[in-house]
N, C-alpha and C. Protein backbone atom coordinates (compact mmCIF):
# COMPACT_ATOMS: atom_id res chain seq x y z
N MET A 1 0.84 -1.19 0.00
CA MET A 1 0.00 0.00 0.00
C MET A 1 0.89 1.25 0.00
N ALA A 2 0.54 2.21 -0.82
CA ALA A 2 1.33 3.44 -0.93
C ALA A 2 1.18 4.28 0.33
N ARG A 3 2.24 4.98 0.68
CA ARG A 3 2.18 5.90 1.83
C ARG A 3 1.25 7.05 1.52
N ARG A 4 0.54 7.50 2.53
CA ARG A 4 -0.33 8.66 2.34
C ARG A 4 0.52 9.92 2.20
N ARG A 5 0.08 10.79 1.31
CA ARG A 5 0.74 12.09 1.11
C ARG A 5 -0.24 13.17 1.55
N ILE A 6 0.13 13.89 2.59
CA ILE A 6 -0.71 14.96 3.11
C ILE A 6 -0.11 16.28 2.67
N GLY A 7 -0.87 17.06 1.92
CA GLY A 7 -0.40 18.35 1.46
C GLY A 7 -0.72 19.44 2.46
N VAL A 8 0.12 20.44 2.49
CA VAL A 8 -0.14 21.65 3.28
C VAL A 8 -0.03 22.83 2.32
N LEU A 9 -1.11 23.60 2.19
CA LEU A 9 -1.10 24.75 1.30
C LEU A 9 -0.02 25.72 1.78
N ALA A 10 0.98 25.95 0.95
CA ALA A 10 2.18 26.67 1.37
C ALA A 10 2.33 28.00 0.65
N LEU A 11 1.25 28.75 0.57
CA LEU A 11 1.28 30.05 -0.10
C LEU A 11 1.63 31.17 0.86
N GLN A 12 1.18 31.05 2.11
CA GLN A 12 1.38 32.09 3.12
C GLN A 12 0.97 31.50 4.46
N GLY A 13 1.47 32.04 5.54
CA GLY A 13 1.04 31.59 6.86
C GLY A 13 1.97 30.54 7.45
N ASP A 14 1.48 29.84 8.47
CA ASP A 14 2.34 28.95 9.25
C ASP A 14 2.30 27.51 8.75
N PHE A 15 2.53 27.36 7.45
CA PHE A 15 2.48 26.02 6.85
C PHE A 15 3.61 25.12 7.34
N ARG A 16 4.76 25.68 7.70
CA ARG A 16 5.88 24.85 8.15
C ARG A 16 5.53 24.08 9.42
N GLU A 17 4.79 24.73 10.32
CA GLU A 17 4.40 24.06 11.57
C GLU A 17 3.49 22.87 11.29
N HIS A 18 2.56 23.02 10.34
CA HIS A 18 1.68 21.90 9.98
C HIS A 18 2.47 20.78 9.31
N LEU A 19 3.40 21.12 8.45
CA LEU A 19 4.25 20.10 7.82
C LEU A 19 4.99 19.29 8.89
N ALA A 20 5.47 19.97 9.93
CA ALA A 20 6.20 19.29 11.00
C ALA A 20 5.28 18.34 11.77
N VAL A 21 4.05 18.76 12.07
CA VAL A 21 3.12 17.90 12.81
C VAL A 21 2.79 16.66 11.99
N VAL A 22 2.45 16.84 10.72
CA VAL A 22 2.10 15.70 9.87
C VAL A 22 3.29 14.74 9.75
N THR A 23 4.48 15.26 9.60
CA THR A 23 5.68 14.43 9.51
C THR A 23 5.85 13.60 10.78
N ARG A 24 5.64 14.23 11.95
CA ARG A 24 5.74 13.51 13.23
C ARG A 24 4.75 12.35 13.30
N LEU A 25 3.57 12.51 12.67
CA LEU A 25 2.53 11.49 12.74
C LEU A 25 2.76 10.35 11.74
N GLY A 26 3.70 10.50 10.82
CA GLY A 26 4.06 9.38 9.96
C GLY A 26 3.89 9.52 8.46
N PRO A 27 2.81 10.14 7.97
CA PRO A 27 2.66 10.25 6.51
C PRO A 27 3.68 11.19 5.89
N ASP A 28 3.80 11.11 4.57
CA ASP A 28 4.60 12.09 3.85
C ASP A 28 3.88 13.43 3.90
N ALA A 29 4.58 14.48 4.27
CA ALA A 29 4.02 15.83 4.30
C ALA A 29 4.68 16.65 3.22
N VAL A 30 3.86 17.24 2.33
CA VAL A 30 4.43 17.96 1.19
C VAL A 30 3.77 19.34 1.07
N PRO A 31 4.57 20.36 0.75
CA PRO A 31 3.99 21.67 0.49
C PRO A 31 3.24 21.67 -0.84
N VAL A 32 2.14 22.41 -0.90
CA VAL A 32 1.34 22.51 -2.11
C VAL A 32 1.24 23.97 -2.52
N ARG A 33 1.70 24.25 -3.76
CA ARG A 33 1.62 25.61 -4.29
C ARG A 33 1.03 25.66 -5.69
N THR A 34 0.91 24.49 -6.34
CA THR A 34 0.45 24.45 -7.72
C THR A 34 -0.65 23.40 -7.89
N PRO A 35 -1.45 23.49 -8.94
CA PRO A 35 -2.45 22.45 -9.21
C PRO A 35 -1.83 21.07 -9.36
N GLU A 36 -0.63 20.99 -9.92
CA GLU A 36 0.05 19.70 -10.10
C GLU A 36 0.40 19.09 -8.74
N GLU A 37 0.87 19.91 -7.81
CA GLU A 37 1.18 19.40 -6.47
C GLU A 37 -0.10 19.01 -5.74
N LEU A 38 -1.18 19.77 -5.93
CA LEU A 38 -2.46 19.43 -5.31
C LEU A 38 -2.96 18.07 -5.80
N ALA A 39 -2.76 17.80 -7.08
CA ALA A 39 -3.23 16.54 -7.66
C ALA A 39 -2.53 15.33 -7.06
N GLY A 40 -1.37 15.53 -6.45
CA GLY A 40 -0.59 14.42 -5.93
C GLY A 40 -0.78 14.12 -4.46
N VAL A 41 -1.74 14.79 -3.78
CA VAL A 41 -1.92 14.56 -2.34
C VAL A 41 -3.25 13.89 -2.06
N ASP A 42 -3.29 13.21 -0.90
CA ASP A 42 -4.50 12.50 -0.48
C ASP A 42 -5.40 13.35 0.41
N ALA A 43 -4.85 14.39 1.01
CA ALA A 43 -5.60 15.31 1.88
C ALA A 43 -4.84 16.62 1.90
N LEU A 44 -5.50 17.68 2.38
CA LEU A 44 -4.87 19.00 2.38
C LEU A 44 -5.15 19.73 3.68
N VAL A 45 -4.09 20.34 4.22
CA VAL A 45 -4.22 21.25 5.36
C VAL A 45 -4.08 22.67 4.83
N VAL A 46 -5.02 23.54 5.22
CA VAL A 46 -4.93 24.96 4.88
C VAL A 46 -4.60 25.69 6.17
N PRO A 47 -3.40 26.29 6.28
CA PRO A 47 -2.94 26.84 7.56
C PRO A 47 -3.54 28.19 7.88
N GLY A 48 -3.22 28.63 9.10
CA GLY A 48 -3.52 30.00 9.48
C GLY A 48 -2.58 30.95 8.76
N GLY A 49 -2.93 32.21 8.78
CA GLY A 49 -2.16 33.25 8.10
C GLY A 49 -3.09 34.43 7.87
N GLU A 50 -3.13 34.93 6.66
CA GLU A 50 -4.02 36.04 6.32
C GLU A 50 -4.94 35.55 5.21
N SER A 51 -6.22 35.41 5.53
CA SER A 51 -7.14 34.72 4.62
C SER A 51 -7.29 35.41 3.26
N THR A 52 -7.29 36.74 3.22
CA THR A 52 -7.43 37.40 1.92
C THR A 52 -6.18 37.17 1.07
N THR A 53 -5.00 37.14 1.71
CA THR A 53 -3.77 36.88 0.98
C THR A 53 -3.73 35.45 0.46
N ILE A 54 -4.12 34.49 1.31
CA ILE A 54 -4.17 33.09 0.87
C ILE A 54 -5.12 32.95 -0.31
N GLY A 55 -6.29 33.57 -0.23
CA GLY A 55 -7.26 33.50 -1.32
C GLY A 55 -6.75 34.14 -2.60
N ARG A 56 -6.12 35.28 -2.46
CA ARG A 56 -5.60 35.98 -3.63
C ARG A 56 -4.49 35.17 -4.30
N LEU A 57 -3.56 34.63 -3.50
CA LEU A 57 -2.47 33.84 -4.07
C LEU A 57 -2.98 32.53 -4.66
N ALA A 58 -3.98 31.90 -4.03
CA ALA A 58 -4.56 30.67 -4.60
C ALA A 58 -5.17 30.96 -5.95
N SER A 59 -5.79 32.12 -6.11
CA SER A 59 -6.35 32.52 -7.40
C SER A 59 -5.25 32.73 -8.43
N ILE A 60 -4.19 33.44 -8.04
CA ILE A 60 -3.08 33.72 -8.95
C ILE A 60 -2.41 32.42 -9.41
N TYR A 61 -2.26 31.46 -8.48
CA TYR A 61 -1.58 30.20 -8.79
C TYR A 61 -2.50 29.18 -9.46
N GLY A 62 -3.74 29.57 -9.74
CA GLY A 62 -4.67 28.67 -10.43
C GLY A 62 -5.16 27.51 -9.59
N LEU A 63 -5.24 27.70 -8.27
CA LEU A 63 -5.61 26.61 -7.37
C LEU A 63 -7.09 26.56 -7.02
N MET A 64 -7.83 27.63 -7.25
CA MET A 64 -9.21 27.69 -6.73
C MET A 64 -10.09 26.58 -7.31
N GLU A 65 -10.17 26.49 -8.62
CA GLU A 65 -11.06 25.48 -9.22
C GLU A 65 -10.57 24.05 -8.99
N PRO A 66 -9.27 23.76 -9.15
CA PRO A 66 -8.81 22.41 -8.83
C PRO A 66 -9.10 22.02 -7.37
N LEU A 67 -8.96 22.98 -6.47
CA LEU A 67 -9.23 22.69 -5.06
C LEU A 67 -10.71 22.43 -4.83
N ARG A 68 -11.56 23.26 -5.42
CA ARG A 68 -13.01 23.02 -5.29
C ARG A 68 -13.38 21.64 -5.82
N GLU A 69 -12.79 21.28 -6.96
CA GLU A 69 -13.10 19.98 -7.57
C GLU A 69 -12.65 18.83 -6.68
N ARG A 70 -11.44 18.92 -6.14
CA ARG A 70 -10.94 17.85 -5.26
C ARG A 70 -11.81 17.70 -4.02
N LEU A 71 -12.22 18.82 -3.45
CA LEU A 71 -13.06 18.78 -2.24
C LEU A 71 -14.44 18.23 -2.57
N ARG A 72 -15.00 18.61 -3.71
CA ARG A 72 -16.30 18.05 -4.15
C ARG A 72 -16.19 16.54 -4.33
N ASP A 73 -15.03 16.07 -4.76
CA ASP A 73 -14.81 14.65 -4.98
C ASP A 73 -14.48 13.89 -3.69
N GLY A 74 -14.44 14.61 -2.57
CA GLY A 74 -14.28 13.94 -1.28
C GLY A 74 -12.90 13.98 -0.66
N MET A 75 -11.98 14.79 -1.18
CA MET A 75 -10.66 14.88 -0.56
C MET A 75 -10.80 15.44 0.85
N PRO A 76 -10.22 14.79 1.86
CA PRO A 76 -10.26 15.34 3.21
C PRO A 76 -9.45 16.63 3.31
N ALA A 77 -9.86 17.51 4.21
CA ALA A 77 -9.14 18.76 4.41
C ALA A 77 -9.29 19.22 5.85
N LEU A 78 -8.30 19.99 6.28
CA LEU A 78 -8.32 20.65 7.58
C LEU A 78 -7.96 22.11 7.35
N GLY A 79 -8.82 23.02 7.78
CA GLY A 79 -8.53 24.44 7.71
C GLY A 79 -8.42 25.00 9.11
N THR A 80 -7.32 25.72 9.39
CA THR A 80 -7.15 26.30 10.72
C THR A 80 -7.07 27.81 10.62
N CYS A 81 -7.84 28.50 11.44
CA CYS A 81 -7.88 29.96 11.52
C CYS A 81 -8.19 30.55 10.13
N ALA A 82 -7.22 31.17 9.48
CA ALA A 82 -7.46 31.70 8.13
C ALA A 82 -7.87 30.60 7.16
N GLY A 83 -7.36 29.39 7.39
CA GLY A 83 -7.73 28.26 6.54
C GLY A 83 -9.21 27.93 6.64
N MET A 84 -9.78 28.12 7.83
CA MET A 84 -11.22 27.92 8.00
C MET A 84 -12.00 28.96 7.19
N ILE A 85 -11.55 30.20 7.22
CA ILE A 85 -12.20 31.25 6.45
C ILE A 85 -12.13 30.92 4.96
N PHE A 86 -10.95 30.52 4.50
CA PHE A 86 -10.72 30.22 3.08
C PHE A 86 -11.60 29.07 2.60
N LEU A 87 -11.79 28.04 3.42
CA LEU A 87 -12.63 26.90 3.03
C LEU A 87 -14.12 27.21 3.12
N GLY A 88 -14.49 28.26 3.87
CA GLY A 88 -15.89 28.57 4.13
C GLY A 88 -16.64 29.11 2.93
N ALA A 89 -17.96 29.28 3.15
CA ALA A 89 -18.85 29.74 2.09
C ALA A 89 -18.93 31.26 2.01
N ALA A 90 -18.79 31.94 3.17
CA ALA A 90 -18.94 33.40 3.20
C ALA A 90 -18.34 33.94 4.49
N THR A 91 -18.17 35.26 4.52
CA THR A 91 -17.78 35.94 5.75
C THR A 91 -18.84 37.01 6.05
N THR A 92 -18.79 37.51 7.28
CA THR A 92 -19.71 38.59 7.64
C THR A 92 -19.20 39.93 7.11
N GLY A 93 -17.96 39.96 6.62
CA GLY A 93 -17.36 41.20 6.13
C GLY A 93 -17.33 41.26 4.62
N PRO A 94 -16.37 42.01 4.09
CA PRO A 94 -16.27 42.16 2.64
C PRO A 94 -16.04 40.82 1.94
N VAL A 95 -16.47 40.74 0.70
CA VAL A 95 -16.28 39.53 -0.10
C VAL A 95 -14.79 39.32 -0.33
N GLN A 96 -14.36 38.07 -0.23
CA GLN A 96 -12.97 37.72 -0.49
C GLN A 96 -12.96 36.34 -1.14
N PRO A 97 -11.85 35.95 -1.77
CA PRO A 97 -11.80 34.64 -2.41
C PRO A 97 -11.96 33.52 -1.38
N GLN A 98 -12.98 32.68 -1.56
CA GLN A 98 -13.22 31.54 -0.68
C GLN A 98 -13.58 30.33 -1.53
N VAL A 99 -13.23 29.15 -1.03
CA VAL A 99 -13.47 27.92 -1.77
C VAL A 99 -14.95 27.53 -1.72
N GLY A 100 -15.61 27.79 -0.59
CA GLY A 100 -17.03 27.48 -0.47
C GLY A 100 -17.34 26.01 -0.22
N ALA A 101 -16.35 25.23 0.24
CA ALA A 101 -16.57 23.80 0.48
C ALA A 101 -17.17 23.51 1.84
N LEU A 102 -17.07 24.45 2.76
CA LEU A 102 -17.57 24.29 4.12
C LEU A 102 -18.75 25.25 4.30
N ASP A 103 -19.92 24.72 4.64
CA ASP A 103 -21.15 25.51 4.69
C ASP A 103 -21.24 26.31 5.99
N VAL A 104 -20.39 27.33 6.09
CA VAL A 104 -20.35 28.20 7.26
C VAL A 104 -20.18 29.65 6.82
N VAL A 105 -20.67 30.55 7.66
CA VAL A 105 -20.40 31.98 7.52
C VAL A 105 -19.49 32.35 8.68
N VAL A 106 -18.33 32.92 8.35
CA VAL A 106 -17.29 33.17 9.33
C VAL A 106 -17.15 34.66 9.60
N GLU A 107 -16.96 35.00 10.87
CA GLU A 107 -16.64 36.38 11.24
C GLU A 107 -15.15 36.46 11.49
N ARG A 108 -14.45 37.23 10.66
CA ARG A 108 -13.01 37.40 10.79
C ARG A 108 -12.67 38.20 12.04
N ASN A 109 -11.50 37.90 12.62
CA ASN A 109 -10.99 38.64 13.79
C ASN A 109 -12.07 38.83 14.85
N ALA A 110 -12.87 37.81 15.07
CA ALA A 110 -14.01 37.92 15.98
C ALA A 110 -13.59 38.18 17.42
N PHE A 111 -12.42 37.72 17.78
CA PHE A 111 -11.95 37.88 19.16
C PHE A 111 -11.23 39.21 19.37
N GLY A 112 -11.00 39.96 18.31
CA GLY A 112 -10.30 41.24 18.44
C GLY A 112 -8.95 41.20 17.75
N ARG A 113 -8.11 42.15 18.16
CA ARG A 113 -6.80 42.32 17.54
C ARG A 113 -5.79 41.33 18.09
N GLN A 114 -4.56 41.42 17.59
CA GLN A 114 -3.48 40.51 18.02
C GLN A 114 -3.32 40.51 19.54
N VAL A 115 -3.44 41.69 20.16
CA VAL A 115 -3.26 41.76 21.61
C VAL A 115 -4.38 41.04 22.36
N ASP A 116 -5.49 40.74 21.69
CA ASP A 116 -6.60 40.03 22.32
C ASP A 116 -6.49 38.52 22.13
N SER A 117 -5.39 38.06 21.54
CA SER A 117 -5.19 36.62 21.38
C SER A 117 -5.12 35.97 22.75
N TYR A 118 -5.60 34.72 22.83
CA TYR A 118 -5.61 34.05 24.12
C TYR A 118 -5.63 32.54 23.94
N GLU A 119 -5.52 31.83 25.05
CA GLU A 119 -5.56 30.38 25.05
C GLU A 119 -6.69 29.90 25.94
N ALA A 120 -7.26 28.74 25.61
CA ALA A 120 -8.39 28.21 26.38
C ALA A 120 -8.41 26.70 26.31
N ALA A 121 -9.02 26.09 27.32
CA ALA A 121 -9.27 24.64 27.30
C ALA A 121 -10.67 24.44 26.76
N LEU A 122 -10.78 23.70 25.65
CA LEU A 122 -12.07 23.48 25.00
C LEU A 122 -12.58 22.07 25.26
N ASP A 123 -13.86 21.97 25.55
CA ASP A 123 -14.52 20.67 25.59
C ASP A 123 -14.93 20.32 24.17
N VAL A 124 -14.43 19.19 23.67
CA VAL A 124 -14.72 18.74 22.31
C VAL A 124 -15.67 17.55 22.38
N VAL A 125 -16.70 17.56 21.56
CA VAL A 125 -17.68 16.49 21.52
C VAL A 125 -16.98 15.14 21.33
N GLY A 126 -17.24 14.22 22.25
CA GLY A 126 -16.70 12.86 22.13
C GLY A 126 -15.29 12.66 22.66
N TRP A 127 -14.64 13.73 23.13
CA TRP A 127 -13.27 13.60 23.64
C TRP A 127 -13.29 13.59 25.16
N PRO A 128 -12.57 12.65 25.79
CA PRO A 128 -12.57 12.60 27.25
C PRO A 128 -11.77 13.72 27.90
N GLU A 129 -10.75 14.21 27.20
CA GLU A 129 -9.89 15.26 27.75
C GLU A 129 -10.07 16.56 26.98
N PRO A 130 -10.05 17.72 27.67
CA PRO A 130 -10.16 19.00 26.96
C PRO A 130 -9.00 19.22 25.99
N LEU A 131 -9.21 20.11 25.06
CA LEU A 131 -8.20 20.46 24.06
C LEU A 131 -7.67 21.85 24.39
N HIS A 132 -6.35 21.97 24.47
CA HIS A 132 -5.73 23.29 24.67
C HIS A 132 -5.72 24.01 23.33
N ALA A 133 -6.37 25.16 23.25
CA ALA A 133 -6.51 25.89 21.98
C ALA A 133 -5.86 27.25 22.07
N VAL A 134 -5.14 27.61 21.01
CA VAL A 134 -4.46 28.90 20.90
C VAL A 134 -5.19 29.73 19.84
N PHE A 135 -5.78 30.84 20.27
CA PHE A 135 -6.53 31.73 19.39
C PHE A 135 -5.68 32.97 19.10
N ILE A 136 -5.37 33.22 17.82
CA ILE A 136 -4.57 34.38 17.43
C ILE A 136 -5.33 35.15 16.35
N ARG A 137 -5.79 36.34 16.69
CA ARG A 137 -6.62 37.12 15.75
C ARG A 137 -7.66 36.21 15.10
N ALA A 138 -8.30 35.43 15.92
CA ALA A 138 -9.08 34.30 15.44
C ALA A 138 -10.48 34.68 14.96
N PRO A 139 -10.97 33.92 13.98
CA PRO A 139 -12.38 34.04 13.57
C PRO A 139 -13.24 33.15 14.46
N TRP A 140 -14.54 33.28 14.33
CA TRP A 140 -15.45 32.24 14.81
C TRP A 140 -16.53 32.08 13.77
N ILE A 141 -17.33 31.05 13.94
CA ILE A 141 -18.37 30.78 12.96
C ILE A 141 -19.66 31.42 13.41
N GLN A 142 -20.16 32.31 12.58
CA GLN A 142 -21.39 33.04 12.88
C GLN A 142 -22.62 32.19 12.58
N LYS A 143 -22.53 31.35 11.53
CA LYS A 143 -23.68 30.56 11.10
C LYS A 143 -23.19 29.25 10.51
N VAL A 144 -23.83 28.13 10.91
CA VAL A 144 -23.46 26.82 10.37
C VAL A 144 -24.61 26.27 9.54
N GLY A 145 -24.27 25.57 8.47
CA GLY A 145 -25.26 24.92 7.62
C GLY A 145 -25.76 23.64 8.27
N ALA A 146 -26.80 23.07 7.69
CA ALA A 146 -27.47 21.90 8.25
C ALA A 146 -26.56 20.68 8.31
N ASP A 147 -25.58 20.56 7.42
CA ASP A 147 -24.72 19.38 7.39
C ASP A 147 -23.43 19.56 8.18
N VAL A 148 -23.31 20.65 8.91
CA VAL A 148 -22.09 20.95 9.66
C VAL A 148 -22.30 20.56 11.12
N GLU A 149 -21.38 19.74 11.63
CA GLU A 149 -21.42 19.31 13.04
C GLU A 149 -20.50 20.21 13.85
N VAL A 150 -21.03 20.82 14.90
CA VAL A 150 -20.24 21.67 15.79
C VAL A 150 -19.58 20.78 16.85
N LEU A 151 -18.26 20.81 16.91
CA LEU A 151 -17.51 19.96 17.84
C LEU A 151 -17.03 20.70 19.07
N ALA A 152 -16.89 22.02 18.99
CA ALA A 152 -16.48 22.81 20.16
C ALA A 152 -16.93 24.26 19.97
N THR A 153 -17.22 24.91 21.10
CA THR A 153 -17.66 26.31 21.09
C THR A 153 -16.92 27.09 22.17
N VAL A 154 -16.99 28.42 22.05
CA VAL A 154 -16.56 29.32 23.12
C VAL A 154 -17.72 30.26 23.41
N HIS A 155 -17.72 30.80 24.62
CA HIS A 155 -18.79 31.72 25.00
C HIS A 155 -18.46 33.13 24.52
N ASP A 156 -19.43 33.77 23.87
CA ASP A 156 -19.31 35.16 23.43
C ASP A 156 -20.05 36.02 24.46
N PRO A 157 -19.31 36.68 25.36
CA PRO A 157 -19.98 37.45 26.40
C PRO A 157 -20.78 38.63 25.85
N GLY A 158 -20.36 39.17 24.70
CA GLY A 158 -21.08 40.30 24.12
C GLY A 158 -22.49 39.94 23.70
N ALA A 159 -22.67 38.75 23.17
CA ALA A 159 -23.99 38.31 22.73
C ALA A 159 -24.61 37.30 23.69
N ASP A 160 -23.83 36.91 24.72
CA ASP A 160 -24.25 35.89 25.69
C ASP A 160 -24.73 34.62 24.98
N GLU A 161 -23.90 34.13 24.06
CA GLU A 161 -24.20 32.86 23.39
C GLU A 161 -22.92 32.15 23.01
N GLU A 162 -23.05 30.89 22.62
CA GLU A 162 -21.90 30.09 22.23
C GLU A 162 -21.59 30.30 20.74
N ARG A 163 -20.30 30.36 20.42
CA ARG A 163 -19.85 30.50 19.03
C ARG A 163 -19.04 29.27 18.65
N ALA A 164 -19.32 28.70 17.49
CA ALA A 164 -18.60 27.51 17.03
C ALA A 164 -17.17 27.87 16.65
N VAL A 165 -16.21 27.06 17.14
CA VAL A 165 -14.79 27.28 16.83
C VAL A 165 -14.11 26.00 16.31
N PHE A 166 -14.86 24.89 16.26
CA PHE A 166 -14.33 23.63 15.71
C PHE A 166 -15.52 22.88 15.11
N VAL A 167 -15.45 22.62 13.81
CA VAL A 167 -16.58 22.00 13.11
C VAL A 167 -16.09 20.91 12.16
N ARG A 168 -17.05 20.07 11.76
CA ARG A 168 -16.77 19.03 10.77
C ARG A 168 -17.95 18.96 9.81
N GLN A 169 -17.66 18.88 8.54
CA GLN A 169 -18.68 18.63 7.51
C GLN A 169 -18.14 17.53 6.61
N ASP A 170 -18.69 16.34 6.76
CA ASP A 170 -18.21 15.18 6.03
C ASP A 170 -16.72 14.99 6.33
N ARG A 171 -15.84 15.14 5.34
CA ARG A 171 -14.41 14.92 5.56
C ARG A 171 -13.62 16.22 5.63
N ILE A 172 -14.31 17.31 5.92
CA ILE A 172 -13.65 18.61 6.08
C ILE A 172 -13.74 19.01 7.55
N LEU A 173 -12.59 19.30 8.15
CA LEU A 173 -12.49 19.77 9.52
C LEU A 173 -12.03 21.22 9.49
N ALA A 174 -12.50 22.02 10.45
CA ALA A 174 -12.04 23.41 10.51
C ALA A 174 -12.03 23.90 11.94
N THR A 175 -11.00 24.67 12.26
CA THR A 175 -10.87 25.24 13.60
C THR A 175 -10.59 26.74 13.50
N SER A 176 -11.06 27.48 14.51
CA SER A 176 -10.74 28.90 14.63
C SER A 176 -9.34 29.10 15.19
N PHE A 177 -8.81 28.09 15.80
CA PHE A 177 -7.55 28.18 16.55
C PHE A 177 -6.43 27.43 15.81
N HIS A 178 -5.27 27.36 16.46
CA HIS A 178 -4.04 26.85 15.84
C HIS A 178 -3.58 25.56 16.52
N PRO A 179 -4.08 24.40 16.11
CA PRO A 179 -3.65 23.16 16.77
C PRO A 179 -2.19 22.81 16.53
N GLU A 180 -1.60 23.39 15.49
CA GLU A 180 -0.20 23.10 15.19
C GLU A 180 0.77 23.75 16.17
N LEU A 181 0.27 24.67 17.02
CA LEU A 181 1.14 25.39 17.95
C LEU A 181 1.19 24.75 19.34
N THR A 182 0.52 23.63 19.52
CA THR A 182 0.57 22.91 20.79
C THR A 182 1.12 21.51 20.52
N GLY A 183 1.35 20.77 21.56
CA GLY A 183 1.84 19.40 21.38
C GLY A 183 0.71 18.40 21.15
N ASP A 184 -0.52 18.87 21.13
CA ASP A 184 -1.69 17.99 20.99
C ASP A 184 -1.94 17.76 19.50
N THR A 185 -1.83 16.52 19.07
CA THR A 185 -1.95 16.21 17.64
C THR A 185 -3.31 15.60 17.29
N ARG A 186 -4.27 15.63 18.21
CA ARG A 186 -5.53 14.92 17.97
C ARG A 186 -6.30 15.42 16.76
N ILE A 187 -6.26 16.71 16.47
CA ILE A 187 -7.01 17.22 15.31
C ILE A 187 -6.36 16.75 14.01
N HIS A 188 -5.03 16.78 13.94
CA HIS A 188 -4.36 16.26 12.75
C HIS A 188 -4.61 14.75 12.62
N GLU A 189 -4.67 14.05 13.75
CA GLU A 189 -4.98 12.63 13.72
C GLU A 189 -6.38 12.38 13.17
N MET A 190 -7.32 13.26 13.50
CA MET A 190 -8.68 13.14 12.94
C MET A 190 -8.64 13.22 11.42
N LEU A 191 -7.82 14.14 10.89
CA LEU A 191 -7.69 14.27 9.44
C LEU A 191 -7.16 12.96 8.85
N LEU A 192 -6.14 12.40 9.49
CA LEU A 192 -5.55 11.17 8.98
C LEU A 192 -6.54 10.01 9.04
N GLU A 193 -7.42 10.01 10.02
CA GLU A 193 -8.39 8.93 10.15
C GLU A 193 -9.37 8.89 8.98
N VAL A 194 -9.64 10.04 8.37
CA VAL A 194 -10.59 10.07 7.25
C VAL A 194 -9.89 10.11 5.89
N THR A 195 -8.56 9.97 5.91
CA THR A 195 -7.78 10.02 4.67
C THR A 195 -7.48 8.60 4.17
């Protein structure tokens, strides 16, 4: 059986950290910058960074349609922070390039500016132990579609309600936070389980 090849979109952001996590877990981890490289992977991680820049560069490099097609065909994916925005259907702010594979509406920088970044222990559906989450200029999900399962939330004191920060839709996972910045590999392991 061939080794799994997990791609990490390497246009901008903290793709090196994701490559390191995937490598530690065993599969081949490869950077993806072109449609040809995308065609050679079994799953894709879209890292945190700046979502409008990632979207703009993906358009310039001709990745938008090939990526949409691969995701429609069932390729597993993990989007973290800006990656979640990029995979989503819409944002609450200005229109930006998005893949539209994840049926969510995302609010960018929902937690505030860089100085408002923080860490929290999240209760994840089905997990016995909490997940340590690092939020950096993080988005949250304002609205989820019918086929999206919410796996973890945080409390929004301004609206006095829970906001989704970790979701799954079929074989697409997305987080508002940065799992690659902690020693906890469970989210990347989830991606590998569906690959």
